[in-house]
Amino acid sequence: MTTSARPHVTDDQRRARLMLRHRLAPGARAASPLEAADSMVGLHATSPSTVYLSTWARVPGFVPVDMDRALYDDRSLVRQLAMRRTMFVMPTPTLRDAVGAVGPRVAASERTNMLRDLRRSNDFPDPDGWIDAARDAVARLVCDGIPRSTTQLRVALPELDGRVTVGAGKSWGGTMSMAPRLLNMMSAAGDIVRGTNDGPWHRSKPLWVGMEQWLGRPLDPPDVATGHVRMIDRWLRAFGPGTETDLVWWLGSTKTAVRAALTQLDVVEVDLDDGSVGYVHTDDIGRDDPVEPQALLLPELDPTTMGHKQRDFYLGEHGAHVFDSNGNGGQSAWWNGRIVGGWSRRPDGSVQIHPFEKLPRAATKALSSRADELAAWLGDVTPRPAFPAPFMRGAPR
């Protein structure tokens, strides 16, 4: 039998790392929303409530106004369309590197998708020209630093008020505004940003503003290669060890780009329990402290749930209960570093635990206690899941 010369990192070690580095273990909690987001590289923000619930899970005493202050007053955290065309809330240094690493790729994808629909419409004889004219008009207006909604921008700028016909001849057919998609393209490129939110914390009503005006300085992102190196460095510190497959998926990038970045980092290959090969920083081997079992309730699309493509070491056989057909991870209940169930809100405001396996008495008791804490924190607010997990079918809503 041939024995690998590579170090071995067990699933138990990987789970302990996640709990400690993701600020989920007692004694490792974050002191602020900024510290929590930085520890995770960024917080998933596709569902507006996720940002707040992910922070509640990691910052003792957290209340929504703490996140609002970081996002809208200090502006130490910024909401950005980035990896995998997914919304994140990131510290500004991470924002800069994320836009450099994947911004051009995401913006190009957004443009390609727009062109496909514009070319199908008879109302746009020059689709490329329309995109460029609308982009330039938005860029000129938002440099005044005044936050505006998509509707306000469309009303102020005739160049942006383009619509395509969808479902011609169908009962559901009609017209669709191209403005939100063009703004997404500009956001991915780092030209504009979702500034303040014209709604409560659990609903998304963003107001757009120029990136430079919002930050008070140019973003100045690095080139794509440098951005990849920096983002992979961050990911490995927070999520490592991870596989090449994990990195390519999480970044929404290519094997070529990821492999090139890994050669610029001081990393070592390690064997994982499932037989795959992972990567970890050379100075990050053998630094694993034990973690006591504990109960966690994480929101849909939490960065811990969504951090790996190859996630069996914390998900086990429960993928069909937690993830929908598009790969969106739902509201999850954790015990001892593993997903063991889900959670939902009852009509009376209490939080219900949905176990996926037989749990020890200590786990059941701890999860029930955490459910009571979450219900009390939410109060009268009931965020609606944007991507209800399969286990929620039939659950009271």
Protein backbone atom coordinates (compact mmCIF):
# COMPACT_ATOMS: atom_id res chain seq x y z
CA MET A 1 0.00 0.00 0.00
CA THR A 2 1.31 3.43 -0.94
CA THR A 3 1.15 6.03 1.81
CA SER A 4 0.79 9.68 0.84
CA ALA A 5 3.51 12.02 2.03
CA ARG A 6 0.96 14.82 2.28
CA PRO A 7 -0.36 15.94 5.67
CA HIS A 8 -3.86 14.71 6.49
CA VAL A 9 -6.65 16.96 7.72
CA THR A 10 -9.67 15.10 9.07
CA ASP A 11 -13.31 16.11 8.77
CA ASP A 12 -13.38 16.70 12.53
CA GLN A 13 -10.50 19.14 12.16
CA ARG A 14 -12.17 20.90 9.25
CA ARG A 15 -15.40 21.33 11.19
CA ALA A 16 -13.53 22.70 14.20
CA ARG A 17 -11.74 25.17 11.95
CA LEU A 18 -15.03 26.41 10.55
CA MET A 19 -16.52 26.95 13.99
CA LEU A 20 -13.49 28.90 15.21
CA ARG A 21 -12.67 30.91 12.12
CA HIS A 22 -16.27 31.67 11.25
CA ARG A 23 -16.80 33.17 14.72
CA LEU A 24 -19.34 30.53 15.69
CA ALA A 25 -17.56 28.93 18.65
CA PRO A 26 -17.77 30.31 22.21
CA GLY A 27 -14.73 32.46 22.86
CA ALA A 28 -14.27 33.09 19.14
CA ARG A 29 -17.24 35.39 18.52
CA ALA A 30 -16.75 38.62 16.62
CA ALA A 31 -16.90 42.01 18.29
CA SER A 32 -18.60 43.85 15.42
CA PRO A 33 -20.31 43.36 12.05
CA LEU A 34 -17.07 44.42 10.34
CA GLU A 35 -15.06 41.78 12.19
CA ALA A 36 -17.66 39.12 11.40
CA ALA A 37 -17.72 39.96 7.69
CA ASP A 38 -13.94 40.14 7.48
CA SER A 39 -13.61 36.73 9.11
CA MET A 40 -15.86 35.24 6.42
CA VAL A 41 -14.31 37.17 3.49
CA GLY A 42 -17.82 38.52 3.07
CA LEU A 43 -21.42 37.89 4.09
CA HIS A 44 -23.94 36.63 1.55
CA ALA A 45 -26.44 39.38 0.82
CA THR A 46 -28.74 38.09 -1.92
CA SER A 47 -31.45 37.86 0.75
CA PRO A 48 -31.29 41.12 2.70
CA SER A 49 -32.12 39.45 6.02
CA THR A 50 -29.22 37.00 5.67
CA VAL A 51 -26.67 39.74 6.34
CA TYR A 52 -28.29 40.53 9.67
CA LEU A 53 -29.07 36.96 10.75
CA SER A 54 -25.55 35.79 9.87
CA THR A 55 -24.19 38.60 12.02
CA TRP A 56 -26.58 37.79 14.88
CA ALA A 57 -25.13 34.26 14.89
CA ARG A 58 -21.59 35.63 15.30
CA VAL A 59 -21.74 38.89 17.28
CA PRO A 60 -23.06 38.82 20.87
CA GLY A 61 -25.57 41.58 21.54
CA PHE A 62 -25.93 42.45 17.86
CA VAL A 63 -28.91 44.57 16.79
CA PRO A 64 -29.78 45.64 13.22
CA VAL A 65 -28.72 49.24 13.75
CA ASP A 66 -25.15 48.00 14.24
CA MET A 67 -25.08 46.68 10.68
CA ASP A 68 -26.84 49.78 9.36
CA ARG A 69 -24.11 51.91 10.92
CA ALA A 70 -21.35 49.87 9.26
CA LEU A 71 -23.11 49.90 5.88
CA TYR A 72 -24.49 53.42 5.66
CA ASP A 73 -22.65 55.63 8.17
CA ASP A 74 -19.11 54.26 8.52
CA ARG A 75 -19.30 52.61 5.07
CA SER A 76 -16.72 50.11 6.31
CA LEU A 77 -18.92 47.41 4.73
CA VAL A 78 -20.25 47.64 1.19
CA ARG A 79 -22.87 45.60 -0.67
CA GLN A 80 -21.50 44.30 -3.99
CA LEU A 81 -22.44 41.91 -6.80
CA ALA A 82 -19.34 39.73 -7.00
CA MET A 83 -18.40 36.04 -6.96
CA ARG A 84 -20.81 33.79 -8.91
CA ARG A 85 -22.97 36.86 -9.67
CA THR A 86 -23.90 36.71 -5.98
CA MET A 87 -24.47 39.66 -3.67
CA PHE A 88 -22.00 40.04 -0.81
CA VAL A 89 -21.40 42.52 1.99
CA MET A 90 -17.64 42.99 2.22
CA PRO A 91 -15.07 45.19 3.96
CA THR A 92 -13.73 47.82 1.58
CA PRO A 93 -10.27 46.20 1.12
CA THR A 94 -11.98 42.93 0.18
CA LEU A 95 -14.38 44.82 -2.08
CA ARG A 96 -11.44 46.26 -3.99
CA ASP A 97 -9.87 42.85 -4.54
CA ALA A 98 -13.17 41.15 -5.40
CA VAL A 99 -13.96 43.71 -8.08
CA GLY A 100 -10.46 43.26 -9.47
CA ALA A 101 -10.65 39.47 -9.43
CA VAL A 102 -14.13 38.79 -10.81
CA GLY A 103 -15.65 42.17 -11.68
CA PRO A 104 -14.65 42.09 -15.35
CA ARG A 105 -15.95 38.53 -15.74
CA VAL A 106 -19.29 39.22 -14.03
CA ALA A 107 -19.81 42.53 -15.85
CA ALA A 108 -19.07 40.86 -19.19
CA SER A 109 -21.57 38.11 -18.38
CA GLU A 110 -24.23 40.69 -17.52
CA ARG A 111 -23.57 42.52 -20.79
CA THR A 112 -23.73 39.32 -22.84
CA ASN A 113 -27.07 38.38 -21.28
CA MET A 114 -28.46 41.84 -21.98
CA LEU A 115 -27.29 41.76 -25.59
CA ARG A 116 -29.02 38.43 -26.14
CA ASP A 117 -32.39 39.90 -25.16
CA LEU A 118 -31.86 43.28 -26.81
CA ARG A 119 -31.04 41.60 -30.13
CA ARG A 120 -34.31 39.69 -29.97
CA SER A 121 -36.25 42.94 -29.72
CA ASN A 122 -37.22 45.11 -32.67
CA ASP A 123 -36.91 48.23 -30.52
CA PHE A 124 -33.10 48.24 -30.32
CA PRO A 125 -31.42 48.59 -33.73
CA ASP A 126 -28.04 49.05 -31.99
CA PRO A 127 -27.98 46.98 -28.77
CA ASP A 128 -24.31 47.66 -28.02
CA GLY A 129 -24.86 51.36 -28.59
CA TRP A 130 -27.87 51.39 -26.27
CA ILE A 131 -25.88 49.77 -23.46
CA ASP A 132 -22.99 52.20 -23.86
CA ALA A 133 -25.24 55.26 -24.02
CA ALA A 134 -27.26 54.19 -20.98
CA ARG A 135 -24.11 53.36 -19.01
CA ASP A 136 -22.55 56.73 -19.81
CA ALA A 137 -25.72 58.58 -18.84
CA VAL A 138 -25.90 56.82 -15.48
CA ALA A 139 -22.21 57.45 -14.81
CA ARG A 140 -22.63 61.18 -15.46
CA LEU A 141 -25.62 61.48 -13.15
CA VAL A 142 -24.48 59.43 -10.15
CA CYS A 143 -21.23 61.36 -9.81
CA ASP A 144 -23.25 64.01 -7.92
CA GLY A 145 -23.32 61.60 -4.96
CA ILE A 146 -27.11 61.69 -4.56
CA PRO A 147 -28.56 58.18 -3.95
CA ARG A 148 -31.40 57.32 -6.33
CA SER A 149 -33.67 54.33 -6.82
CA THR A 150 -33.80 52.44 -10.10
CA THR A 151 -37.12 54.13 -10.86
CA GLN A 152 -35.71 57.58 -10.16
CA LEU A 153 -32.76 56.91 -12.45
CA ARG A 154 -35.03 55.66 -15.20
CA VAL A 155 -37.28 58.72 -14.97
CA ALA A 156 -34.31 61.10 -14.97
CA LEU A 157 -32.52 59.39 -17.85
CA PRO A 158 -34.39 58.64 -21.09
CA GLU A 159 -31.29 56.72 -22.23
CA LEU A 160 -31.92 54.18 -19.45
CA ASP A 161 -35.63 53.70 -20.05
CA GLY A 162 -35.36 50.76 -22.44
CA ARG A 163 -37.81 47.86 -22.40
CA VAL A 164 -37.88 44.53 -24.20
CA THR A 165 -40.89 42.41 -25.02
CA VAL A 166 -41.04 39.01 -23.34
CA GLY A 167 -43.45 36.14 -23.92
CA ALA A 168 -44.94 37.59 -27.10
CA GLY A 169 -48.34 36.01 -27.70
CA LYS A 170 -48.34 34.36 -24.25
CA SER A 171 -50.82 35.07 -21.48
CA TRP A 172 -47.92 36.06 -19.22
CA GLY A 173 -46.21 38.19 -21.87
CA GLY A 174 -45.39 41.86 -21.53
CA THR A 175 -42.44 44.22 -21.40
CA MET A 176 -39.44 44.15 -19.11
CA SER A 177 -37.25 47.09 -18.14
CA MET A 178 -33.55 46.71 -18.91
CA ALA A 179 -32.57 49.31 -16.32
CA PRO A 180 -32.02 46.91 -13.37
CA ARG A 181 -29.80 44.70 -15.50
CA LEU A 182 -27.70 47.59 -16.76
CA LEU A 183 -27.26 48.83 -13.19
CA ASN A 184 -26.17 45.34 -12.13
CA MET A 185 -23.56 45.36 -14.90
CA MET A 186 -22.22 48.72 -13.73
CA SER A 187 -22.22 47.53 -10.13
CA ALA A 188 -20.24 44.39 -10.97
CA ALA A 189 -17.66 46.56 -12.72
CA GLY A 190 -17.30 48.74 -9.62
CA ASP A 191 -18.72 51.88 -11.25
CA ILE A 192 -21.78 52.27 -9.03
CA VAL A 193 -22.85 50.81 -5.71
CA ARG A 194 -25.96 50.05 -3.72
CA GLY A 195 -25.75 52.82 -1.15
CA THR A 196 -28.50 53.34 1.40
CA ASN A 197 -31.52 51.05 1.63
CA ASP A 198 -34.92 52.74 1.37
CA GLY A 199 -36.67 50.13 3.50
CA PRO A 200 -36.39 48.02 6.67
CA TRP A 201 -33.40 45.77 7.22
CA HIS A 202 -35.16 42.66 5.96
CA ARG A 203 -36.26 44.15 2.62
CA SER A 204 -34.13 45.28 -0.29
CA LYS A 205 -34.86 48.73 -1.74
CA PRO A 206 -31.40 49.94 -2.73
CA LEU A 207 -30.53 53.46 -3.77
CA TRP A 208 -27.73 53.76 -6.32
CA VAL A 209 -24.75 56.10 -6.13
CA GLY A 210 -21.32 56.36 -7.73
CA MET A 211 -18.75 54.06 -6.11
CA GLU A 212 -16.13 56.79 -5.78
CA GLN A 213 -18.64 59.20 -4.29
CA TRP A 214 -19.88 56.58 -1.80
CA LEU A 215 -16.40 55.59 -0.63
CA GLY A 216 -14.98 59.10 -0.77
CA ARG A 217 -12.07 57.89 -2.90
CA PRO A 218 -11.46 55.87 -6.07
CA LEU A 219 -11.93 52.13 -5.67
CA ASP A 220 -8.69 51.38 -7.55
CA PRO A 221 -9.10 47.59 -7.94
CA PRO A 222 -6.07 45.43 -8.79
CA ASP A 223 -5.66 43.49 -12.02
CA VAL A 224 -7.49 40.18 -12.38
CA ALA A 225 -4.50 37.98 -11.52
CA THR A 226 -3.58 39.94 -8.39
CA GLY A 227 -7.22 39.99 -7.34
CA HIS A 228 -7.37 36.20 -7.61
CA VAL A 229 -4.29 35.76 -5.46
CA ARG A 230 -5.66 38.03 -2.74
CA MET A 231 -9.15 36.53 -2.73
CA ILE A 232 -7.87 32.96 -2.65
CA ASP A 233 -5.50 33.91 0.16
CA ARG A 234 -8.47 35.22 2.15
CA TRP A 235 -10.64 32.21 1.35
CA LEU A 236 -8.00 29.72 2.47
CA ARG A 237 -7.54 31.57 5.77
CA ALA A 238 -11.27 31.43 6.44
CA PHE A 239 -12.40 28.19 4.79
CA GLY A 240 -9.28 26.11 4.20
CA PRO A 241 -8.39 23.47 3.60
CA GLY A 242 -10.40 23.43 0.41
CA THR A 243 -10.13 21.80 -2.96
CA GLU A 244 -9.52 23.30 -6.37
CA THR A 245 -13.18 22.55 -7.10
CA ASP A 246 -14.20 24.57 -4.05
CA LEU A 247 -12.11 27.55 -5.11
CA VAL A 248 -13.23 27.56 -8.75
CA TRP A 249 -16.88 27.32 -7.68
CA TRP A 250 -16.73 29.90 -4.87
CA LEU A 251 -14.97 32.48 -7.03
CA GLY A 252 -17.04 31.71 -10.10
CA SER A 253 -13.74 31.58 -11.97
CA THR A 254 -11.71 29.09 -13.99
CA LYS A 255 -9.29 26.30 -13.16
CA THR A 256 -6.57 28.13 -15.07
CA ALA A 257 -6.96 31.30 -13.01
CA VAL A 258 -7.16 29.44 -9.70
CA ARG A 259 -4.13 27.27 -10.46
CA ALA A 260 -2.10 30.32 -11.45
CA ALA A 261 -3.02 32.08 -8.21
CA LEU A 262 -2.13 29.07 -6.07
CA THR A 263 1.40 29.09 -7.49
CA GLN A 264 1.81 32.62 -6.07
CA LEU A 265 0.81 31.57 -2.55
CA ASP A 266 2.74 29.63 0.08
CA VAL A 267 0.32 26.70 0.24
CA VAL A 268 0.66 22.98 0.71
CA GLU A 269 -1.48 20.08 -0.47
CA VAL A 270 -3.26 18.00 2.18
CA ASP A 271 -5.24 14.77 2.04
CA LEU A 272 -8.88 15.00 3.08
CA ASP A 273 -11.10 12.26 4.47
CA ASP A 274 -13.11 11.89 1.26
CA GLY A 275 -9.94 11.11 -0.70
CA SER A 276 -9.67 14.51 -2.36
CA VAL A 277 -6.69 16.84 -2.19
CA GLY A 278 -7.08 20.18 -0.45
CA TYR A 279 -4.96 23.29 -0.15
CA VAL A 280 -3.99 25.13 3.01
CA HIS A 281 -1.42 27.78 3.89
CA THR A 282 1.91 26.28 4.89
CA ASP A 283 1.82 28.12 8.22
CA ASP A 284 -1.71 26.89 8.88
CA ILE A 285 -1.00 23.19 9.43
CA GLY A 286 -1.57 21.69 12.87
CA ARG A 287 -3.25 24.76 14.35
CA ASP A 288 -6.48 23.10 15.34
CA ASP A 289 -8.02 23.62 18.76
CA PRO A 290 -10.89 21.39 19.89
CA VAL A 291 -14.36 22.91 19.94
CA GLU A 292 -17.14 21.92 22.30
CA PRO A 293 -20.43 20.85 20.65
CA GLN A 294 -22.87 23.72 20.34
CA ALA A 295 -26.15 24.63 18.69
CA LEU A 296 -26.33 27.09 15.80
CA LEU A 297 -29.18 28.49 13.73
CA LEU A 298 -27.95 29.99 10.47
CA PRO A 299 -30.00 31.79 7.82
CA GLU A 300 -30.44 30.85 4.19
CA LEU A 301 -27.29 31.40 2.13
CA ASP A 302 -25.14 31.81 5.23
CA PRO A 303 -21.48 31.99 4.17
CA THR A 304 -20.59 28.91 6.23
CA THR A 305 -23.26 26.86 4.49
CA MET A 306 -22.27 28.27 1.09
CA GLY A 307 -18.49 28.26 1.52
CA HIS A 308 -17.64 24.98 -0.24
CA LYS A 309 -18.77 23.14 -3.33
CA GLN A 310 -17.66 19.82 -1.82
CA ARG A 311 -19.49 20.16 1.49
CA ASP A 312 -20.19 16.61 2.67
CA PHE A 313 -17.89 17.06 5.66
CA TYR A 314 -20.46 19.32 7.31
CA LEU A 315 -23.60 18.46 5.31
CA GLY A 316 -23.47 14.67 5.18
CA GLU A 317 -26.52 13.13 3.52
CA HIS A 318 -28.79 16.09 4.20
CA GLY A 319 -28.24 18.00 0.97
CA ALA A 320 -31.68 17.18 -0.43
CA HIS A 321 -33.30 18.74 2.65
CA VAL A 322 -31.24 21.94 2.70
CA PHE A 323 -30.36 22.84 -0.91
CA ASP A 324 -32.82 23.63 -3.69
CA SER A 325 -32.32 22.62 -7.32
CA ASN A 326 -30.30 25.79 -8.00
CA GLY A 327 -27.85 25.16 -5.18
CA ASN A 328 -29.25 27.69 -2.70
CA GLY A 329 -28.73 26.56 0.89
CA GLY A 330 -31.67 27.17 3.21
CA GLN A 331 -32.12 27.93 6.91
CA SER A 332 -30.05 25.38 8.81
CA ALA A 333 -29.63 24.01 12.31
CA TRP A 334 -26.14 22.90 13.34
CA TRP A 335 -24.75 20.73 16.10
CA ASN A 336 -21.08 19.97 16.67
CA GLY A 337 -20.02 21.57 13.38
CA ARG A 338 -22.55 19.72 11.20
CA ILE A 339 -25.90 20.53 9.65
CA VAL A 340 -28.38 18.32 11.47
CA GLY A 341 -31.65 20.07 10.67
CA GLY A 342 -33.37 23.23 9.60
CA TRP A 343 -35.53 25.89 11.20
CA SER A 344 -38.60 27.91 10.30
CA ARG A 345 -40.85 30.55 11.85
CA ARG A 346 -44.29 29.51 13.02
CA PRO A 347 -47.28 31.83 12.57
CA ASP A 348 -47.20 32.59 16.31
CA GLY A 349 -43.62 33.88 15.99
CA SER A 350 -41.88 30.93 17.62
CA VAL A 351 -39.03 29.17 15.83
CA GLN A 352 -39.45 25.50 14.97
CA ILE A 353 -36.53 23.08 14.62
CA HIS A 354 -36.77 20.44 11.87
CA PRO A 355 -34.28 17.65 12.70
CA PHE A 356 -32.96 15.55 9.82
CA GLU A 357 -31.57 12.82 12.07
CA LYS A 358 -31.93 11.47 15.60
CA LEU A 359 -30.17 13.94 17.87
CA PRO A 360 -28.67 13.51 21.32
CA ARG A 361 -30.68 15.03 24.15
CA ALA A 362 -28.09 17.77 24.66
CA ALA A 363 -28.41 18.84 21.02
CA THR A 364 -32.21 18.93 21.14
CA LYS A 365 -32.16 21.02 24.31
CA ALA A 366 -29.51 23.42 23.01
CA LEU A 367 -31.23 23.91 19.66
CA SER A 368 -34.54 24.57 21.40
CA SER A 369 -32.89 27.19 23.58
CA ARG A 370 -31.28 28.84 20.57
CA ALA A 371 -34.64 28.83 18.77
CA ASP A 372 -36.18 30.76 21.67
CA GLU A 373 -33.32 33.28 21.51
CA LEU A 374 -33.82 33.79 17.77
CA ALA A 375 -37.58 34.22 18.13
CA ALA A 376 -37.06 36.83 20.84
CA TRP A 377 -34.49 38.67 18.71
CA LEU A 378 -36.76 38.74 15.66
CA GLY A 379 -39.75 39.96 17.63
CA ASP A 380 -42.52 41.02 15.27
CA VAL A 381 -40.28 40.81 12.20
CA THR A 382 -40.64 37.68 10.07
CA PRO A 383 -38.25 37.73 7.11
CA ARG A 384 -39.61 35.67 4.24
CA PRO A 385 -37.07 33.21 2.85
CA ALA A 386 -36.20 34.07 -0.73
CA PHE A 387 -35.14 30.47 -1.36
CA PRO A 388 -37.23 28.19 0.87
CA ALA A 389 -35.37 24.95 1.52
CA PRO A 390 -36.97 21.65 0.50
CA PHE A 391 -37.59 20.74 4.15
CA MET A 392 -39.88 23.78 4.46
CA ARG A 393 -42.50 22.41 2.09
CA GLY A 394 -45.61 22.10 4.16
CA ALA A 395 -44.15 23.99 7.12
CA PRO A 396 -46.43 26.74 8.53
CA ARG A 397 -45.60 30.12 6.97
